[in-house]
Amino acid sequence: MSIPELENLLRVRKLSREAPAAAELAGLLRSARARLTDAENGALHLESRFDLVVFSVIVVSFVVSQLEYDAVAEDLIGLRFDPR
């Protein structure tokens, strides 16, 4: 789905904008840390260890992008994410 299509759904109130909850982001980071720990296990096949590391990098990148988005939204339009 394209950005204009998503924006249209926001406009007609079929979709609402929602910031990720802090607990969700923290859970993703815990998952990434656990996978990195597993990737250090030399008993696993190299391909499995590689997959664990790649997944962790993707998750951390996603979390960082969400935090950056929240900071930009706050600067531009005064939106502030309150994790409570």
N, C-alpha and C. Protein backbone atom coordinates (compact mmCIF):
# COMPACT_ATOMS: atom_id res chain seq x y z
N MET A 1 0.85 -1.16 0.00
CA MET A 1 0.00 0.00 0.00
C MET A 1 0.90 1.23 0.00
N SER A 2 0.56 2.20 -0.81
CA SER A 2 1.39 3.40 -0.93
C SER A 2 1.11 4.40 0.19
N ILE A 3 2.01 5.34 0.34
CA ILE A 3 1.85 6.40 1.36
C ILE A 3 0.57 7.19 1.10
N PRO A 4 0.29 7.63 -0.14
CA PRO A 4 -0.97 8.36 -0.36
C PRO A 4 -2.21 7.54 0.01
N GLU A 5 -2.17 6.24 -0.25
CA GLU A 5 -3.30 5.39 0.12
C GLU A 5 -3.47 5.32 1.64
N LEU A 6 -2.36 5.21 2.35
CA LEU A 6 -2.41 5.20 3.81
C LEU A 6 -2.92 6.54 4.35
N GLU A 7 -2.43 7.63 3.76
CA GLU A 7 -2.89 8.95 4.19
C GLU A 7 -4.38 9.12 3.95
N ASN A 8 -4.88 8.57 2.85
CA ASN A 8 -6.31 8.63 2.57
C ASN A 8 -7.10 7.87 3.63
N LEU A 9 -6.61 6.70 4.04
CA LEU A 9 -7.28 5.94 5.10
C LEU A 9 -7.28 6.72 6.41
N LEU A 10 -6.21 7.46 6.68
CA LEU A 10 -6.19 8.31 7.87
C LEU A 10 -7.25 9.41 7.76
N ARG A 11 -7.35 9.98 6.57
CA ARG A 11 -8.29 11.08 6.36
C ARG A 11 -9.74 10.64 6.55
N VAL A 12 -10.08 9.46 6.08
CA VAL A 12 -11.47 8.99 6.19
C VAL A 12 -11.70 8.20 7.47
N ARG A 13 -10.72 8.22 8.36
CA ARG A 13 -10.80 7.61 9.69
C ARG A 13 -11.00 6.09 9.67
N LYS A 14 -10.46 5.44 8.65
CA LYS A 14 -10.46 3.97 8.59
C LYS A 14 -9.16 3.43 9.20
N LEU A 15 -8.26 4.35 9.49
CA LEU A 15 -6.96 4.01 10.04
C LEU A 15 -6.58 5.13 10.99
N SER A 16 -5.91 4.79 12.07
CA SER A 16 -5.47 5.84 12.99
C SER A 16 -3.97 5.72 13.20
N ARG A 17 -3.34 6.85 13.40
CA ARG A 17 -1.90 6.91 13.63
C ARG A 17 -1.64 6.57 15.09
N GLU A 18 -0.70 5.68 15.31
CA GLU A 18 -0.42 5.24 16.67
C GLU A 18 1.08 5.06 16.86
N ALA A 19 1.60 5.68 17.88
CA ALA A 19 3.02 5.51 18.19
C ALA A 19 3.22 4.16 18.89
N PRO A 20 4.35 3.53 18.65
CA PRO A 20 4.59 2.25 19.34
C PRO A 20 4.75 2.46 20.83
N ALA A 21 4.27 1.52 21.59
CA ALA A 21 4.40 1.60 23.04
C ALA A 21 5.85 1.32 23.44
N ALA A 22 6.31 1.98 24.46
CA ALA A 22 7.69 1.79 24.94
C ALA A 22 7.93 0.33 25.32
N ALA A 23 6.93 -0.32 25.87
CA ALA A 23 7.08 -1.72 26.27
C ALA A 23 7.30 -2.61 25.04
N GLU A 24 6.65 -2.29 23.93
CA GLU A 24 6.84 -3.07 22.71
C GLU A 24 8.27 -2.92 22.19
N LEU A 25 8.77 -1.68 22.18
CA LEU A 25 10.13 -1.45 21.72
C LEU A 25 11.14 -2.14 22.64
N ALA A 26 10.90 -2.08 23.94
CA ALA A 26 11.79 -2.75 24.90
C ALA A 26 11.77 -4.26 24.68
N GLY A 27 10.61 -4.81 24.40
CA GLY A 27 10.49 -6.24 24.13
C GLY A 27 11.25 -6.65 22.88
N LEU A 28 11.19 -5.80 21.86
CA LEU A 28 11.95 -6.09 20.64
C LEU A 28 13.45 -6.08 20.92
N LEU A 29 13.90 -5.12 21.72
CA LEU A 29 15.33 -5.07 22.05
C LEU A 29 15.76 -6.29 22.88
N ARG A 30 14.91 -6.73 23.81
CA ARG A 30 15.22 -7.94 24.58
C ARG A 30 15.35 -9.15 23.65
N SER A 31 14.45 -9.24 22.69
CA SER A 31 14.48 -10.33 21.73
C SER A 31 15.77 -10.30 20.91
N ALA A 32 16.16 -9.11 20.47
CA ALA A 32 17.40 -8.97 19.69
C ALA A 32 18.61 -9.38 20.52
N ARG A 33 18.64 -8.94 21.79
CA ARG A 33 19.76 -9.32 22.67
C ARG A 33 19.84 -10.83 22.86
N ALA A 34 18.69 -11.46 23.06
CA ALA A 34 18.66 -12.92 23.25
C ALA A 34 19.17 -13.64 22.00
N ARG A 35 18.79 -13.15 20.83
CA ARG A 35 19.25 -13.77 19.59
C ARG A 35 20.74 -13.58 19.39
N LEU A 36 21.26 -12.41 19.78
CA LEU A 36 22.71 -12.20 19.68
C LEU A 36 23.46 -13.13 20.61
N THR A 37 22.91 -13.36 21.79
CA THR A 37 23.52 -14.31 22.72
C THR A 37 23.52 -15.71 22.11
N ASP A 38 22.40 -16.09 21.51
CA ASP A 38 22.32 -17.41 20.86
C ASP A 38 23.30 -17.53 19.70
N ALA A 39 23.53 -16.41 18.99
CA ALA A 39 24.44 -16.43 17.84
C ALA A 39 25.88 -16.72 18.26
N GLU A 40 26.21 -16.50 19.52
CA GLU A 40 27.55 -16.80 20.01
C GLU A 40 27.75 -18.28 20.28
N ASN A 41 26.70 -19.06 20.20
CA ASN A 41 26.76 -20.49 20.47
C ASN A 41 27.43 -21.21 19.29
N GLY A 42 28.65 -21.63 19.49
CA GLY A 42 29.41 -22.30 18.45
C GLY A 42 28.85 -23.64 18.02
N ALA A 43 27.94 -24.21 18.81
CA ALA A 43 27.33 -25.49 18.45
C ALA A 43 26.31 -25.34 17.33
N LEU A 44 25.84 -24.12 17.10
CA LEU A 44 24.87 -23.88 16.02
C LEU A 44 25.58 -23.80 14.67
N HIS A 45 24.87 -24.16 13.62
CA HIS A 45 25.42 -24.03 12.28
C HIS A 45 25.68 -22.56 11.98
N LEU A 46 26.67 -22.31 11.15
CA LEU A 46 27.04 -20.94 10.79
C LEU A 46 25.86 -20.18 10.19
N GLU A 47 25.08 -20.86 9.34
CA GLU A 47 23.92 -20.21 8.71
C GLU A 47 22.90 -19.77 9.75
N SER A 48 22.68 -20.59 10.77
CA SER A 48 21.74 -20.24 11.83
C SER A 48 22.24 -19.06 12.63
N ARG A 49 23.53 -19.08 12.92
CA ARG A 49 24.12 -17.97 13.68
C ARG A 49 24.01 -16.67 12.88
N PHE A 50 24.26 -16.76 11.58
CA PHE A 50 24.16 -15.59 10.71
C PHE A 50 22.73 -15.05 10.72
N ASP A 51 21.74 -15.94 10.58
CA ASP A 51 20.33 -15.53 10.59
C ASP A 51 19.97 -14.81 11.89
N LEU A 52 20.47 -15.31 13.00
CA LEU A 52 20.19 -14.69 14.30
C LEU A 52 20.75 -13.27 14.36
N VAL A 53 21.96 -13.09 13.84
CA VAL A 53 22.58 -11.76 13.84
C VAL A 53 21.83 -10.82 12.91
N VAL A 54 21.49 -11.28 11.72
CA VAL A 54 20.78 -10.43 10.76
C VAL A 54 19.43 -10.00 11.33
N PHE A 55 18.70 -10.93 11.93
CA PHE A 55 17.42 -10.59 12.53
C PHE A 55 17.61 -9.51 13.60
N SER A 56 18.63 -9.67 14.42
CA SER A 56 18.89 -8.71 15.49
C SER A 56 19.18 -7.32 14.94
N VAL A 57 19.97 -7.26 13.89
CA VAL A 57 20.29 -5.97 13.27
C VAL A 57 19.03 -5.31 12.72
N ILE A 58 18.17 -6.08 12.09
CA ILE A 58 16.93 -5.54 11.54
C ILE A 58 16.05 -5.00 12.67
N VAL A 59 15.93 -5.74 13.74
CA VAL A 59 15.09 -5.31 14.87
C VAL A 59 15.64 -4.03 15.49
N VAL A 60 16.94 -3.98 15.73
CA VAL A 60 17.53 -2.78 16.34
C VAL A 60 17.36 -1.59 15.40
N SER A 61 17.54 -1.80 14.10
CA SER A 61 17.34 -0.71 13.13
C SER A 61 15.91 -0.18 13.19
N PHE A 62 14.94 -1.10 13.30
CA PHE A 62 13.54 -0.69 13.39
C PHE A 62 13.29 0.14 14.64
N VAL A 63 13.81 -0.31 15.78
CA VAL A 63 13.61 0.41 17.04
C VAL A 63 14.23 1.80 16.94
N VAL A 64 15.43 1.88 16.41
CA VAL A 64 16.09 3.19 16.27
C VAL A 64 15.27 4.10 15.35
N SER A 65 14.75 3.56 14.26
CA SER A 65 13.95 4.39 13.35
C SER A 65 12.69 4.89 14.04
N GLN A 66 12.07 4.07 14.88
CA GLN A 66 10.88 4.52 15.61
C GLN A 66 11.22 5.63 16.59
N LEU A 67 12.34 5.49 17.28
CA LEU A 67 12.76 6.52 18.23
C LEU A 67 13.09 7.82 17.50
N GLU A 68 13.74 7.71 16.34
CA GLU A 68 14.04 8.90 15.55
C GLU A 68 12.77 9.56 15.05
N TYR A 69 11.80 8.75 14.59
CA TYR A 69 10.52 9.28 14.12
C TYR A 69 9.82 10.05 15.24
N ASP A 70 9.82 9.47 16.43
CA ASP A 70 9.19 10.14 17.57
C ASP A 70 9.86 11.48 17.85
N ALA A 71 11.19 11.53 17.78
CA ALA A 71 11.91 12.77 18.04
C ALA A 71 11.61 13.81 16.97
N VAL A 72 11.56 13.40 15.71
CA VAL A 72 11.26 14.33 14.62
C VAL A 72 9.84 14.83 14.73
N ALA A 73 8.88 13.95 15.03
CA ALA A 73 7.49 14.37 15.17
C ALA A 73 7.35 15.39 16.29
N GLU A 74 8.07 15.17 17.37
CA GLU A 74 8.01 16.12 18.48
C GLU A 74 8.56 17.48 18.07
N ASP A 75 9.68 17.47 17.36
CA ASP A 75 10.29 18.73 16.91
C ASP A 75 9.42 19.47 15.90
N LEU A 76 8.82 18.73 14.95
CA LEU A 76 8.09 19.36 13.86
C LEU A 76 6.69 19.81 14.26
N ILE A 77 5.96 18.95 14.93
CA ILE A 77 4.55 19.28 15.17
C ILE A 77 4.16 19.21 16.63
N GLY A 78 5.12 19.11 17.50
CA GLY A 78 4.82 19.14 18.91
C GLY A 78 4.23 17.85 19.47
N LEU A 79 4.23 16.77 18.68
CA LEU A 79 3.76 15.49 19.20
C LEU A 79 4.82 14.91 20.12
N ARG A 80 4.40 14.40 21.21
CA ARG A 80 5.34 13.76 22.13
C ARG A 80 4.77 12.41 22.53
N PHE A 81 5.60 11.39 22.42
CA PHE A 81 5.18 10.04 22.78
C PHE A 81 5.35 9.85 24.27
N ASP A 82 4.26 9.53 24.93
CA ASP A 82 4.30 9.28 26.38
C ASP A 82 4.11 7.79 26.59
N PRO A 83 5.14 7.08 27.06
CA PRO A 83 5.05 5.63 27.17
C PRO A 83 4.16 5.12 28.30
N ARG A 84 3.58 6.00 29.11
CA ARG A 84 2.73 5.54 30.22
C ARG A 84 1.45 4.96 29.76
